[in-house]
Amino acid sequence: AGLLVPGREHGTGYRVYGPADVRDARVVRTLRRSHHLFEQIRPVLEDLRRAGSSEALRTAVEARGRALTARARSMLAGAGALHAYLE
């Protein structure tokens, strides 16, 4: 997905990860665990890199929370309707 772009060590070509790269990897891991798509993660990382701001991260997490809440409510309503139908 190309979200992380580590530097390279001259001579060996080994990847070199600095503190910002480690932070970015942790952000990616956290957002992927909550089922964010790579296309949704990219702008969050760009915002962190550009301004050092976590506002995009906060916005993404809040939006995901709202989506999960809506889905949970829908599932509960469906379960309630199914239960009522079966009785």
N, C-alpha and C. Protein backbone atom coordinates (compact mmCIF):
# COMPACT_ATOMS: atom_id res chain seq x y z
N ALA A 1 0.83 -1.20 0.00
CA ALA A 1 0.00 0.00 0.00
C ALA A 1 0.86 1.26 0.00
N GLY A 2 2.16 1.11 0.34
CA GLY A 2 3.07 2.24 0.28
C GLY A 2 2.84 3.30 1.33
N LEU A 3 2.30 2.93 2.48
CA LEU A 3 2.04 3.92 3.51
C LEU A 3 3.31 4.32 4.25
N LEU A 4 4.24 3.39 4.39
CA LEU A 4 5.51 3.68 5.05
C LEU A 4 6.62 3.72 4.01
N VAL A 5 7.43 4.75 4.09
CA VAL A 5 8.55 4.89 3.14
C VAL A 5 9.82 5.13 3.96
N PRO A 6 10.44 4.04 4.43
CA PRO A 6 11.63 4.21 5.26
C PRO A 6 12.82 4.67 4.44
N GLY A 7 13.78 5.25 5.13
CA GLY A 7 15.03 5.60 4.47
C GLY A 7 15.84 4.34 4.21
N ARG A 8 16.93 4.50 3.48
CA ARG A 8 17.81 3.37 3.17
C ARG A 8 19.22 3.68 3.67
N GLU A 9 19.85 2.67 4.22
CA GLU A 9 21.24 2.80 4.65
C GLU A 9 22.14 2.72 3.43
N HIS A 10 23.03 3.68 3.31
CA HIS A 10 23.95 3.68 2.17
C HIS A 10 24.89 2.47 2.29
N GLY A 11 25.14 1.87 1.20
CA GLY A 11 26.05 0.72 1.20
C GLY A 11 25.31 -0.60 1.24
N THR A 12 24.50 -0.80 2.29
CA THR A 12 23.79 -2.07 2.43
C THR A 12 22.40 -2.04 1.82
N GLY A 13 21.79 -0.86 1.78
CA GLY A 13 20.43 -0.75 1.28
C GLY A 13 19.37 -1.17 2.29
N TYR A 14 19.80 -1.47 3.52
CA TYR A 14 18.84 -1.85 4.55
C TYR A 14 17.88 -0.69 4.83
N ARG A 15 16.67 -1.06 5.15
CA ARG A 15 15.69 -0.04 5.53
C ARG A 15 16.08 0.54 6.90
N VAL A 16 15.86 1.83 7.04
CA VAL A 16 16.14 2.52 8.30
C VAL A 16 14.85 3.22 8.73
N TYR A 17 14.35 2.85 9.91
CA TYR A 17 13.12 3.43 10.43
C TYR A 17 13.45 4.39 11.56
N GLY A 18 13.05 5.64 11.39
CA GLY A 18 13.24 6.64 12.43
C GLY A 18 12.02 6.69 13.34
N PRO A 19 12.04 7.55 14.34
CA PRO A 19 10.91 7.67 15.27
C PRO A 19 9.58 7.99 14.58
N ALA A 20 9.60 8.85 13.57
CA ALA A 20 8.36 9.19 12.85
C ALA A 20 7.83 7.97 12.09
N ASP A 21 8.74 7.16 11.54
CA ASP A 21 8.32 5.94 10.83
C ASP A 21 7.66 4.95 11.79
N VAL A 22 8.23 4.83 12.98
CA VAL A 22 7.67 3.92 13.99
C VAL A 22 6.29 4.42 14.40
N ARG A 23 6.15 5.73 14.60
CA ARG A 23 4.84 6.30 14.94
C ARG A 23 3.84 5.99 13.84
N ASP A 24 4.25 6.21 12.58
CA ASP A 24 3.35 5.95 11.46
C ASP A 24 2.94 4.48 11.41
N ALA A 25 3.88 3.57 11.66
CA ALA A 25 3.56 2.14 11.66
C ALA A 25 2.55 1.81 12.75
N ARG A 26 2.70 2.42 13.89
CA ARG A 26 1.74 2.19 14.99
C ARG A 26 0.36 2.73 14.64
N VAL A 27 0.32 3.88 14.00
CA VAL A 27 -0.97 4.45 13.58
C VAL A 27 -1.63 3.53 12.56
N VAL A 28 -0.86 3.06 11.59
CA VAL A 28 -1.40 2.15 10.57
C VAL A 28 -1.94 0.89 11.24
N ARG A 29 -1.16 0.30 12.12
CA ARG A 29 -1.60 -0.93 12.80
C ARG A 29 -2.89 -0.69 13.58
N THR A 30 -2.96 0.41 14.31
CA THR A 30 -4.14 0.71 15.11
C THR A 30 -5.37 0.89 14.22
N LEU A 31 -5.22 1.66 13.15
CA LEU A 31 -6.36 1.90 12.27
C LEU A 31 -6.77 0.64 11.50
N ARG A 32 -5.81 -0.18 11.10
CA ARG A 32 -6.14 -1.43 10.40
C ARG A 32 -6.88 -2.39 11.34
N ARG A 33 -6.51 -2.40 12.61
CA ARG A 33 -7.21 -3.26 13.58
C ARG A 33 -8.67 -2.87 13.72
N SER A 34 -8.97 -1.61 13.48
CA SER A 34 -10.37 -1.18 13.53
C SER A 34 -10.98 -1.11 12.13
N HIS A 35 -10.37 -1.85 11.21
CA HIS A 35 -10.90 -2.09 9.87
C HIS A 35 -10.95 -0.86 8.97
N HIS A 36 -10.05 0.09 9.19
CA HIS A 36 -9.93 1.21 8.26
C HIS A 36 -9.23 0.72 6.99
N LEU A 37 -9.65 1.24 5.87
CA LEU A 37 -9.02 0.91 4.60
C LEU A 37 -7.75 1.74 4.42
N PHE A 38 -6.84 1.24 3.58
CA PHE A 38 -5.60 1.97 3.34
C PHE A 38 -5.89 3.36 2.77
N GLU A 39 -6.92 3.48 1.95
CA GLU A 39 -7.28 4.79 1.37
C GLU A 39 -7.72 5.76 2.46
N GLN A 40 -8.25 5.24 3.56
CA GLN A 40 -8.67 6.09 4.67
C GLN A 40 -7.49 6.46 5.57
N ILE A 41 -6.49 5.59 5.60
CA ILE A 41 -5.33 5.81 6.47
C ILE A 41 -4.36 6.82 5.86
N ARG A 42 -4.22 6.79 4.55
CA ARG A 42 -3.25 7.66 3.88
C ARG A 42 -3.41 9.14 4.26
N PRO A 43 -4.63 9.74 4.21
CA PRO A 43 -4.73 11.16 4.57
C PRO A 43 -4.41 11.42 6.04
N VAL A 44 -4.66 10.45 6.90
CA VAL A 44 -4.32 10.61 8.31
C VAL A 44 -2.81 10.72 8.46
N LEU A 45 -2.08 9.83 7.80
CA LEU A 45 -0.61 9.88 7.86
C LEU A 45 -0.07 11.16 7.24
N GLU A 46 -0.66 11.58 6.13
CA GLU A 46 -0.20 12.82 5.49
C GLU A 46 -0.37 14.00 6.42
N ASP A 47 -1.49 14.04 7.15
CA ASP A 47 -1.73 15.13 8.09
C ASP A 47 -0.72 15.09 9.24
N LEU A 48 -0.46 13.89 9.75
CA LEU A 48 0.53 13.76 10.83
C LEU A 48 1.91 14.21 10.37
N ARG A 49 2.28 13.82 9.16
CA ARG A 49 3.61 14.17 8.64
C ARG A 49 3.73 15.66 8.33
N ARG A 50 2.67 16.23 7.78
CA ARG A 50 2.71 17.63 7.36
C ARG A 50 2.72 18.58 8.55
N ALA A 51 1.79 18.38 9.46
CA ALA A 51 1.60 19.35 10.52
C ALA A 51 1.94 18.81 11.90
N GLY A 52 2.20 17.51 11.98
CA GLY A 52 2.41 16.92 13.29
C GLY A 52 1.12 16.86 14.08
N SER A 53 0.01 17.11 13.39
CA SER A 53 -1.30 17.18 14.02
C SER A 53 -1.94 15.80 14.09
N SER A 54 -2.65 15.57 15.15
CA SER A 54 -3.39 14.32 15.27
C SER A 54 -4.87 14.53 14.99
N GLU A 55 -5.23 15.69 14.45
CA GLU A 55 -6.64 15.99 14.18
C GLU A 55 -7.25 15.01 13.20
N ALA A 56 -6.54 14.68 12.13
CA ALA A 56 -7.08 13.72 11.15
C ALA A 56 -7.26 12.35 11.79
N LEU A 57 -6.34 11.98 12.66
CA LEU A 57 -6.47 10.70 13.36
C LEU A 57 -7.69 10.71 14.26
N ARG A 58 -7.86 11.78 14.99
CA ARG A 58 -9.02 11.92 15.87
C ARG A 58 -10.31 11.86 15.05
N THR A 59 -10.35 12.55 13.93
CA THR A 59 -11.53 12.56 13.07
C THR A 59 -11.82 11.16 12.55
N ALA A 60 -10.79 10.44 12.11
CA ALA A 60 -10.97 9.09 11.58
C ALA A 60 -11.50 8.14 12.64
N VAL A 61 -10.95 8.23 13.84
CA VAL A 61 -11.38 7.35 14.93
C VAL A 61 -12.82 7.67 15.33
N GLU A 62 -13.15 8.94 15.42
CA GLU A 62 -14.52 9.32 15.77
C GLU A 62 -15.51 8.87 14.71
N ALA A 63 -15.16 9.02 13.44
CA ALA A 63 -16.04 8.58 12.36
C ALA A 63 -16.25 7.08 12.41
N ARG A 64 -15.18 6.34 12.67
CA ARG A 64 -15.30 4.88 12.76
C ARG A 64 -16.17 4.51 13.95
N GLY A 65 -16.03 5.21 15.05
CA GLY A 65 -16.88 4.95 16.23
C GLY A 65 -18.34 5.18 15.92
N ARG A 66 -18.65 6.26 15.20
CA ARG A 66 -20.04 6.52 14.82
C ARG A 66 -20.57 5.43 13.90
N ALA A 67 -19.75 4.99 12.95
CA ALA A 67 -20.18 3.94 12.03
C ALA A 67 -20.43 2.63 12.77
N LEU A 68 -19.56 2.30 13.71
CA LEU A 68 -19.74 1.06 14.48
C LEU A 68 -20.97 1.14 15.36
N THR A 69 -21.23 2.30 15.95
CA THR A 69 -22.42 2.47 16.77
C THR A 69 -23.68 2.30 15.93
N ALA A 70 -23.69 2.91 14.75
CA ALA A 70 -24.85 2.78 13.86
C ALA A 70 -25.06 1.33 13.45
N ARG A 71 -23.98 0.64 13.15
CA ARG A 71 -24.09 -0.77 12.76
C ARG A 71 -24.61 -1.61 13.92
N ALA A 72 -24.10 -1.37 15.13
CA ALA A 72 -24.56 -2.13 16.29
C ALA A 72 -26.04 -1.89 16.54
N ARG A 73 -26.48 -0.65 16.41
CA ARG A 73 -27.91 -0.36 16.61
C ARG A 73 -28.76 -1.05 15.56
N SER A 74 -28.29 -1.05 14.33
CA SER A 74 -29.02 -1.72 13.26
C SER A 74 -29.12 -3.22 13.52
N MET A 75 -28.03 -3.81 13.97
CA MET A 75 -28.03 -5.24 14.27
C MET A 75 -28.97 -5.56 15.43
N LEU A 76 -28.98 -4.71 16.45
CA LEU A 76 -29.89 -4.91 17.58
C LEU A 76 -31.34 -4.79 17.15
N ALA A 77 -31.63 -3.81 16.30
CA ALA A 77 -32.99 -3.65 15.80
C ALA A 77 -33.40 -4.87 14.99
N GLY A 78 -32.50 -5.37 14.16
CA GLY A 78 -32.80 -6.57 13.38
C GLY A 78 -33.02 -7.78 14.26
N ALA A 79 -32.21 -7.93 15.29
CA ALA A 79 -32.38 -9.06 16.22
C ALA A 79 -33.71 -8.94 16.96
N GLY A 80 -34.06 -7.72 17.34
CA GLY A 80 -35.35 -7.51 18.01
C GLY A 80 -36.52 -7.83 17.10
N ALA A 81 -36.44 -7.42 15.85
CA ALA A 81 -37.51 -7.71 14.89
C ALA A 81 -37.61 -9.21 14.65
N LEU A 82 -36.49 -9.88 14.54
CA LEU A 82 -36.50 -11.33 14.33
C LEU A 82 -37.09 -12.03 15.54
N HIS A 83 -36.72 -11.59 16.73
CA HIS A 83 -37.27 -12.18 17.95
C HIS A 83 -38.79 -11.99 18.00
N ALA A 84 -39.26 -10.79 17.69
CA ALA A 84 -40.71 -10.52 17.69
C ALA A 84 -41.42 -11.38 16.66
N TYR A 85 -40.82 -11.58 15.52
CA TYR A 85 -41.41 -12.39 14.46
C TYR A 85 -41.54 -13.84 14.89
N LEU A 86 -40.54 -14.34 15.60
CA LEU A 86 -40.52 -15.74 16.00
C LEU A 86 -41.47 -16.04 17.16
N GLU A 87 -41.89 -15.04 17.87
CA GLU A 87 -42.79 -15.28 19.01
C GLU A 87 -44.21 -15.34 18.61
